[in-house]
């Protein structure tokens, strides 16, 4: 999917349509200290692992892409619901 780098859209902070700059949201670095990891560690590796014994499914054919829209007038950024796309490209 091709998307322009700059286009006019609604700014929730200015409350009217302004020119926005588009940037793809990059995945944040994980610490590994999530609740599910702690829960797995508590269970140990002895006996039935319950919900962790299920075989996980494969990856989906497309990934959801999050895009950040930054207003050129106020400088604030907002997100919208992510959408699925096989390829994502920002064009001039």
N, C-alpha and C. Protein backbone atom coordinates (compact mmCIF):
# COMPACT_ATOMS: atom_id res chain seq x y z
N UNK A 1 0.84 -1.17 0.00
CA UNK A 1 0.00 0.00 0.00
C UNK A 1 0.89 1.24 0.00
N UNK A 2 0.57 2.19 -0.86
CA UNK A 2 1.32 3.44 -0.91
C UNK A 2 0.52 4.53 -0.22
N UNK A 3 1.21 5.37 0.57
CA UNK A 3 0.56 6.45 1.30
C UNK A 3 1.44 7.70 1.19
N UNK A 4 0.82 8.88 0.96
CA UNK A 4 1.63 10.09 0.87
C UNK A 4 2.22 10.48 2.22
N UNK A 5 3.40 11.10 2.19
CA UNK A 5 4.07 11.54 3.42
C UNK A 5 3.31 12.71 4.06
N UNK A 6 2.78 13.61 3.23
CA UNK A 6 2.03 14.77 3.73
C UNK A 6 0.67 14.82 3.07
N UNK A 7 -0.37 15.01 3.87
CA UNK A 7 -1.71 15.23 3.33
C UNK A 7 -2.58 15.91 4.37
N UNK A 8 -3.70 16.47 3.90
CA UNK A 8 -4.60 17.19 4.79
C UNK A 8 -5.60 16.23 5.41
N UNK A 9 -5.74 16.28 6.73
CA UNK A 9 -6.71 15.47 7.44
C UNK A 9 -7.08 16.16 8.75
N UNK A 10 -8.05 15.61 9.46
CA UNK A 10 -8.57 16.24 10.68
C UNK A 10 -7.57 16.12 11.83
N UNK A 11 -7.34 17.23 12.53
CA UNK A 11 -6.49 17.26 13.71
C UNK A 11 -7.40 17.38 14.94
N UNK A 12 -7.39 16.41 15.86
CA UNK A 12 -8.25 16.48 17.03
C UNK A 12 -7.84 17.57 18.02
N UNK A 13 -6.61 18.06 17.93
CA UNK A 13 -6.14 19.10 18.84
C UNK A 13 -6.51 20.49 18.32
N UNK A 14 -6.33 20.72 17.02
CA UNK A 14 -6.73 22.00 16.40
C UNK A 14 -8.24 22.03 16.13
N UNK A 15 -8.86 20.88 16.06
CA UNK A 15 -10.29 20.70 15.77
C UNK A 15 -10.69 21.20 14.38
N UNK A 16 -9.80 21.09 13.43
CA UNK A 16 -10.12 21.33 12.03
C UNK A 16 -9.08 20.63 11.15
N UNK A 17 -9.28 20.70 9.85
CA UNK A 17 -8.38 20.01 8.93
C UNK A 17 -7.09 20.80 8.74
N UNK A 18 -5.96 20.11 8.92
CA UNK A 18 -4.63 20.69 8.76
C UNK A 18 -3.76 19.71 7.97
N UNK A 19 -2.60 20.20 7.52
CA UNK A 19 -1.64 19.33 6.86
C UNK A 19 -0.93 18.48 7.91
N UNK A 20 -0.86 17.18 7.65
CA UNK A 20 -0.22 16.26 8.58
C UNK A 20 0.95 15.54 7.89
N UNK A 21 1.95 15.20 8.68
CA UNK A 21 3.08 14.42 8.21
C UNK A 21 2.90 13.00 8.74
N UNK A 22 3.14 12.01 7.91
CA UNK A 22 2.89 10.62 8.26
C UNK A 22 4.21 9.92 8.57
N UNK A 23 4.22 9.11 9.65
CA UNK A 23 5.38 8.28 9.94
C UNK A 23 4.92 6.94 10.49
N UNK A 24 5.62 5.88 10.12
CA UNK A 24 5.27 4.54 10.57
C UNK A 24 5.77 4.36 12.00
N UNK A 25 4.93 3.80 12.86
CA UNK A 25 5.30 3.58 14.26
C UNK A 25 6.15 2.33 14.33
N UNK A 26 7.34 2.47 14.92
CA UNK A 26 8.24 1.34 15.05
C UNK A 26 7.94 0.60 16.36
N UNK A 27 8.21 -0.68 16.38
CA UNK A 27 7.95 -1.49 17.55
C UNK A 27 8.94 -1.12 18.66
N UNK A 28 8.43 -0.96 19.88
CA UNK A 28 9.29 -0.57 21.01
C UNK A 28 10.10 -1.77 21.48
N UNK A 29 11.20 -1.48 22.14
CA UNK A 29 12.07 -2.52 22.67
C UNK A 29 11.39 -3.15 23.89
N UNK A 30 11.33 -4.47 23.95
CA UNK A 30 10.66 -5.14 25.07
C UNK A 30 11.66 -5.45 26.17
N UNK A 31 11.18 -5.45 27.41
CA UNK A 31 12.04 -5.73 28.57
C UNK A 31 12.01 -7.20 28.93
N UNK A 32 10.96 -7.92 28.50
CA UNK A 32 10.84 -9.33 28.85
C UNK A 32 10.18 -9.55 30.20
N UNK A 33 9.75 -8.47 30.85
CA UNK A 33 9.14 -8.58 32.17
C UNK A 33 7.63 -8.45 32.07
N UNK A 34 7.01 -9.19 31.17
CA UNK A 34 5.57 -9.12 31.01
C UNK A 34 4.91 -10.12 31.95
N UNK A 35 3.65 -9.90 32.24
CA UNK A 35 2.93 -10.75 33.18
C UNK A 35 2.88 -12.20 32.72
N UNK A 36 2.79 -12.42 31.40
CA UNK A 36 2.70 -13.79 30.90
C UNK A 36 4.01 -14.54 31.10
N UNK A 37 5.14 -13.84 30.98
CA UNK A 37 6.45 -14.47 31.23
C UNK A 37 6.60 -14.86 32.69
N UNK A 38 6.15 -13.99 33.59
CA UNK A 38 6.21 -14.29 35.02
C UNK A 38 5.30 -15.47 35.36
N UNK A 39 4.12 -15.53 34.69
CA UNK A 39 3.18 -16.62 34.93
C UNK A 39 3.76 -17.96 34.47
N UNK A 40 4.44 -17.96 33.34
CA UNK A 40 5.08 -19.17 32.83
C UNK A 40 6.17 -19.64 33.79
N UNK A 41 6.93 -18.69 34.33
CA UNK A 41 8.01 -19.03 35.26
C UNK A 41 7.46 -19.62 36.55
N UNK A 42 6.33 -19.12 37.04
CA UNK A 42 5.71 -19.63 38.26
C UNK A 42 5.26 -21.08 38.10
N UNK A 43 4.77 -21.42 36.89
CA UNK A 43 4.25 -22.76 36.63
C UNK A 43 5.36 -23.81 36.67
N UNK A 44 6.57 -23.42 36.34
CA UNK A 44 7.67 -24.38 36.27
C UNK A 44 7.53 -25.25 35.04
N UNK A 45 8.36 -26.28 34.93
CA UNK A 45 8.34 -27.14 33.74
C UNK A 45 7.96 -28.58 34.10
N UNK A 46 7.35 -28.77 35.28
CA UNK A 46 6.98 -30.11 35.72
C UNK A 46 5.47 -30.28 35.59
N UNK A 47 5.04 -31.40 35.00
CA UNK A 47 3.62 -31.71 34.91
C UNK A 47 2.92 -30.97 33.79
N UNK A 48 1.58 -30.92 33.88
CA UNK A 48 0.77 -30.30 32.85
C UNK A 48 0.94 -28.78 32.89
N UNK A 49 1.22 -28.19 31.74
CA UNK A 49 1.44 -26.74 31.68
C UNK A 49 0.15 -25.96 31.42
N UNK A 50 -1.01 -26.66 31.37
CA UNK A 50 -2.29 -25.99 31.20
C UNK A 50 -2.38 -25.26 29.88
N UNK A 51 -2.65 -23.95 29.96
CA UNK A 51 -2.83 -23.18 28.72
C UNK A 51 -1.55 -23.03 27.92
N UNK A 52 -0.39 -23.29 28.54
CA UNK A 52 0.87 -23.15 27.83
C UNK A 52 1.24 -24.41 27.06
N UNK A 53 0.46 -25.49 27.23
CA UNK A 53 0.76 -26.74 26.53
C UNK A 53 0.18 -26.76 25.12
N UNK A 54 -0.67 -25.78 24.79
CA UNK A 54 -1.29 -25.75 23.46
C UNK A 54 -0.25 -25.35 22.41
N UNK A 55 -0.41 -25.90 21.21
CA UNK A 55 0.52 -25.59 20.12
C UNK A 55 0.09 -24.25 19.51
N UNK A 56 0.97 -23.26 19.45
CA UNK A 56 0.59 -21.97 18.88
C UNK A 56 0.39 -22.05 17.37
N UNK A 57 -0.48 -21.19 16.85
CA UNK A 57 -0.73 -21.15 15.40
C UNK A 57 0.38 -20.42 14.68
N UNK A 58 0.29 -20.40 13.36
CA UNK A 58 1.32 -19.73 12.57
C UNK A 58 1.06 -18.24 12.45
N UNK A 59 1.93 -17.53 11.75
CA UNK A 59 1.78 -16.09 11.55
C UNK A 59 0.67 -15.82 10.54
N UNK A 60 0.07 -14.65 10.65
CA UNK A 60 -0.93 -14.23 9.67
C UNK A 60 -0.22 -13.76 8.41
N UNK A 61 -0.89 -13.78 7.25
CA UNK A 61 -0.23 -13.39 6.01
C UNK A 61 0.11 -11.91 5.95
N UNK A 62 -0.67 -11.08 6.67
CA UNK A 62 -0.37 -9.64 6.71
C UNK A 62 -0.29 -9.19 8.15
N UNK A 63 0.46 -8.12 8.40
CA UNK A 63 0.59 -7.57 9.74
C UNK A 63 -0.15 -6.25 9.81
N UNK A 64 -0.60 -5.91 11.03
CA UNK A 64 -1.26 -4.62 11.21
C UNK A 64 -0.20 -3.54 11.29
N UNK A 65 -0.47 -2.42 10.61
CA UNK A 65 0.48 -1.31 10.56
C UNK A 65 -0.12 -0.14 11.33
N UNK A 66 0.67 0.42 12.25
CA UNK A 66 0.25 1.61 12.97
C UNK A 66 0.95 2.81 12.35
N UNK A 67 0.19 3.89 12.12
CA UNK A 67 0.73 5.09 11.48
C UNK A 67 0.47 6.28 12.40
N UNK A 68 1.50 7.09 12.60
CA UNK A 68 1.39 8.30 13.43
C UNK A 68 1.22 9.50 12.51
N UNK A 69 0.23 10.33 12.80
CA UNK A 69 -0.05 11.53 12.01
C UNK A 69 0.35 12.74 12.86
N UNK A 70 1.34 13.53 12.39
CA UNK A 70 1.81 14.70 13.14
C UNK A 70 1.36 15.97 12.44
N UNK A 71 0.63 16.82 13.18
CA UNK A 71 0.09 18.07 12.64
C UNK A 71 1.22 19.07 12.42
N UNK A 72 1.21 19.77 11.29
CA UNK A 72 2.27 20.73 10.97
C UNK A 72 2.07 22.05 11.71
N UNK A 73 0.83 22.39 12.12
CA UNK A 73 0.59 23.67 12.78
C UNK A 73 0.84 23.59 14.29
N UNK A 74 0.24 22.58 14.97
CA UNK A 74 0.40 22.50 16.42
C UNK A 74 1.55 21.58 16.83
N UNK A 75 1.99 20.71 15.93
CA UNK A 75 3.13 19.83 16.22
C UNK A 75 2.77 18.58 17.00
N UNK A 76 1.49 18.41 17.34
CA UNK A 76 1.08 17.23 18.11
C UNK A 76 0.75 16.08 17.16
N UNK A 77 0.94 14.86 17.67
CA UNK A 77 0.72 13.67 16.86
C UNK A 77 -0.45 12.87 17.42
N UNK A 78 -1.16 12.17 16.54
CA UNK A 78 -2.22 11.27 16.97
C UNK A 78 -2.17 10.00 16.14
N UNK A 79 -2.78 8.94 16.69
CA UNK A 79 -2.83 7.65 16.02
C UNK A 79 -4.27 7.34 15.63
N UNK A 80 -4.41 6.43 14.70
CA UNK A 80 -5.71 5.89 14.35
C UNK A 80 -5.60 4.38 14.47
N UNK A 81 -6.72 3.69 14.33
CA UNK A 81 -6.71 2.23 14.41
C UNK A 81 -5.81 1.67 13.32
N UNK A 82 -5.00 0.67 13.67
CA UNK A 82 -4.09 0.06 12.71
C UNK A 82 -4.84 -0.68 11.62
N UNK A 83 -4.23 -0.79 10.44
CA UNK A 83 -4.84 -1.48 9.31
C UNK A 83 -3.87 -2.52 8.77
N UNK A 84 -4.43 -3.51 8.10
CA UNK A 84 -3.61 -4.60 7.57
C UNK A 84 -3.12 -4.29 6.16
N UNK A 85 -1.84 -4.54 5.93
CA UNK A 85 -1.27 -4.36 4.61
C UNK A 85 -0.06 -5.27 4.46
N UNK A 86 0.10 -5.85 3.27
CA UNK A 86 1.24 -6.70 3.01
C UNK A 86 2.53 -5.90 2.92
N UNK A 87 2.47 -4.80 2.17
CA UNK A 87 3.60 -3.89 2.03
C UNK A 87 3.12 -2.50 2.37
N UNK A 88 3.97 -1.68 2.96
CA UNK A 88 3.62 -0.30 3.29
C UNK A 88 4.75 0.61 2.83
N UNK A 89 4.40 1.63 2.05
CA UNK A 89 5.40 2.51 1.47
C UNK A 89 4.91 3.95 1.55
N UNK A 90 5.78 4.87 2.04
CA UNK A 90 5.45 6.28 2.08
C UNK A 90 5.99 6.94 0.82
N UNK A 91 5.14 7.68 0.11
CA UNK A 91 5.55 8.32 -1.14
C UNK A 91 5.47 9.84 -0.99
N UNK A 92 6.24 10.53 -1.80
CA UNK A 92 6.24 12.00 -1.78
C UNK A 92 5.01 12.57 -2.43
